[in-house]
Protein backbone atom coordinates (compact mmCIF):
# COMPACT_ATOMS: atom_id res chain seq x y z
CA UNK A 1 0.36 -0.20 0.05
CA UNK A 2 0.92 3.71 -0.71
CA UNK A 3 1.48 6.73 1.02
CA UNK A 4 -1.05 8.78 2.08
CA UNK A 5 -0.75 12.15 -0.26
CA UNK A 6 -0.72 14.12 3.32
CA UNK A 7 2.68 12.20 4.36
CA UNK A 8 4.58 13.21 1.64
CA UNK A 9 4.05 17.22 2.17
CA UNK A 10 7.82 16.90 3.68
CA UNK A 11 10.40 14.51 5.11
CA UNK A 12 8.97 15.05 8.80
CA UNK A 13 5.35 14.12 7.59
CA UNK A 14 6.63 11.04 6.08
CA UNK A 15 8.74 10.25 8.64
CA UNK A 16 5.62 10.65 11.08
CA UNK A 17 3.37 9.37 8.31
CA UNK A 18 5.62 5.81 8.22
CA UNK A 19 7.25 5.49 11.63
CA UNK A 20 3.92 6.63 14.03
CA UNK A 21 0.51 7.44 12.38
CA UNK A 22 -1.62 4.88 13.25
CA UNK A 23 0.77 2.62 15.34
CA UNK A 24 -1.18 2.19 19.17
CA UNK A 25 0.78 4.02 22.04
CA UNK A 26 0.43 2.37 25.14
CA UNK A 27 3.49 4.90 26.98
CA UNK A 28 2.60 7.50 28.78
CA UNK A 29 4.69 10.31 27.77
CA UNK A 30 4.50 9.72 23.98
CA UNK A 31 0.41 9.77 25.02
CA UNK A 32 1.16 13.49 26.54
CA UNK A 33 3.28 14.27 23.91
CA UNK A 34 0.47 13.38 21.28
CA UNK A 35 -2.26 15.25 23.27
CA UNK A 36 0.03 18.09 23.68
CA UNK A 37 0.99 18.78 19.99
CA UNK A 38 -2.90 18.69 19.64
CA UNK A 39 -2.93 21.41 21.83
CA UNK A 40 -0.67 23.58 20.47
CA UNK A 41 -1.90 22.65 16.95
CA UNK A 42 -4.95 24.44 17.67
CA UNK A 43 -5.69 26.86 14.78
CA UNK A 44 -2.79 25.75 12.83
CA UNK A 45 -1.30 22.99 10.57
CA UNK A 46 -0.46 19.58 11.46
CA UNK A 47 2.69 19.73 8.98
CA UNK A 48 4.01 23.05 11.54
CA UNK A 49 3.53 20.60 14.56
CA UNK A 50 5.61 17.59 13.35
CA UNK A 51 8.28 20.46 11.86
CA UNK A 52 8.46 22.16 15.03
CA UNK A 53 8.10 19.00 16.96
CA UNK A 54 12.28 19.30 18.13
CA UNK A 55 11.32 22.82 19.32
CA UNK A 56 8.36 21.52 21.49
CA UNK A 57 10.48 18.70 22.81
CA UNK A 58 13.58 21.19 23.67
CA UNK A 59 11.06 23.61 25.29
CA UNK A 60 8.98 21.12 27.44
CA UNK A 61 12.40 18.65 28.63
CA UNK A 62 11.04 16.31 26.31
CA UNK A 63 7.36 16.57 27.32
CA UNK A 64 8.41 15.18 30.46
CA UNK A 65 5.00 15.74 32.53
CA UNK A 66 6.71 15.71 35.74
CA UNK A 67 8.82 18.17 35.28
CA UNK A 68 6.02 20.51 32.58
CA UNK A 69 3.78 20.16 36.04
CA UNK A 70 6.60 22.16 37.79
CA UNK A 71 6.85 24.64 35.71
CA UNK A 72 6.50 28.76 36.73
CA UNK A 73 6.47 32.00 35.12
CA UNK A 74 9.93 31.92 34.17
CA UNK A 75 9.29 28.71 32.37
CA UNK A 76 6.94 30.66 30.68
CA UNK A 77 8.86 33.40 29.47
CA UNK A 78 11.79 31.24 28.47
CA UNK A 79 9.51 28.64 26.31
CA UNK A 80 8.18 32.02 24.43
CA UNK A 81 11.84 33.61 23.77
CA UNK A 82 12.95 30.41 22.34
CA UNK A 83 13.42 30.90 18.65
CA UNK A 84 10.84 29.08 16.47
CA UNK A 85 8.55 28.54 19.49
CA UNK A 86 4.93 29.32 18.98
CA UNK A 87 4.19 32.74 20.54
CA UNK A 88 0.80 31.73 22.32
CA UNK A 89 1.50 32.58 26.14
CA UNK A 90 -2.23 30.78 26.50
CA UNK A 91 -1.21 27.61 24.55
CA UNK A 92 2.24 27.23 26.68
CA UNK A 93 0.47 27.74 29.53
CA UNK A 94 -2.22 25.03 28.55
CA UNK A 95 0.41 22.62 27.89
CA UNK A 96 1.76 22.82 31.63
CA UNK A 97 -1.85 23.18 33.36
CA UNK A 98 -2.28 19.76 31.49
CA UNK A 99 0.79 18.41 32.63
CA UNK A 100 -0.53 18.96 35.91
CA UNK A 101 -4.01 17.24 35.12
CA UNK A 102 -2.10 14.28 33.13
CA UNK A 103 -0.07 13.44 36.69
CA UNK A 104 -3.61 13.63 38.67
CA UNK A 105 -4.93 10.98 36.29
CA UNK A 106 -2.15 9.09 36.20
CA UNK A 107 -1.90 9.20 40.00
CA UNK A 108 -5.55 7.89 40.44
CA UNK A 109 -5.35 5.07 37.29
CA UNK A 110 -1.96 4.32 37.95
CA UNK A 111 -1.22 5.33 34.61
CA UNK A 112 -2.63 7.71 31.52
CA UNK A 113 -2.88 4.02 29.58
CA UNK A 114 -4.62 2.33 32.05
CA UNK A 115 -7.25 5.19 32.36
């Protein structure tokens, strides 16, 4: 079977299509990463999210939700000043708030995947 047309838009999208899209996830950190990519994507293209994924990962400590949950105002400012990062304070704050919610779910159910 060939690749979907959207999977050929860029090398990053091709890699995403061939190696990640449609594969089940069971790792909480990866689940958090994809949920936060969706959060950051709101109003933007998925291709842009995939191309900026390395920047997001760098800004958000590899999508380590425990580290992100402890972020404060200085971290928000650091992220917003990062070259190539989205300049939306609301999206940055949403990722931080979502990390705290993610922790709550993990504590209650043992893992996000179990929930």
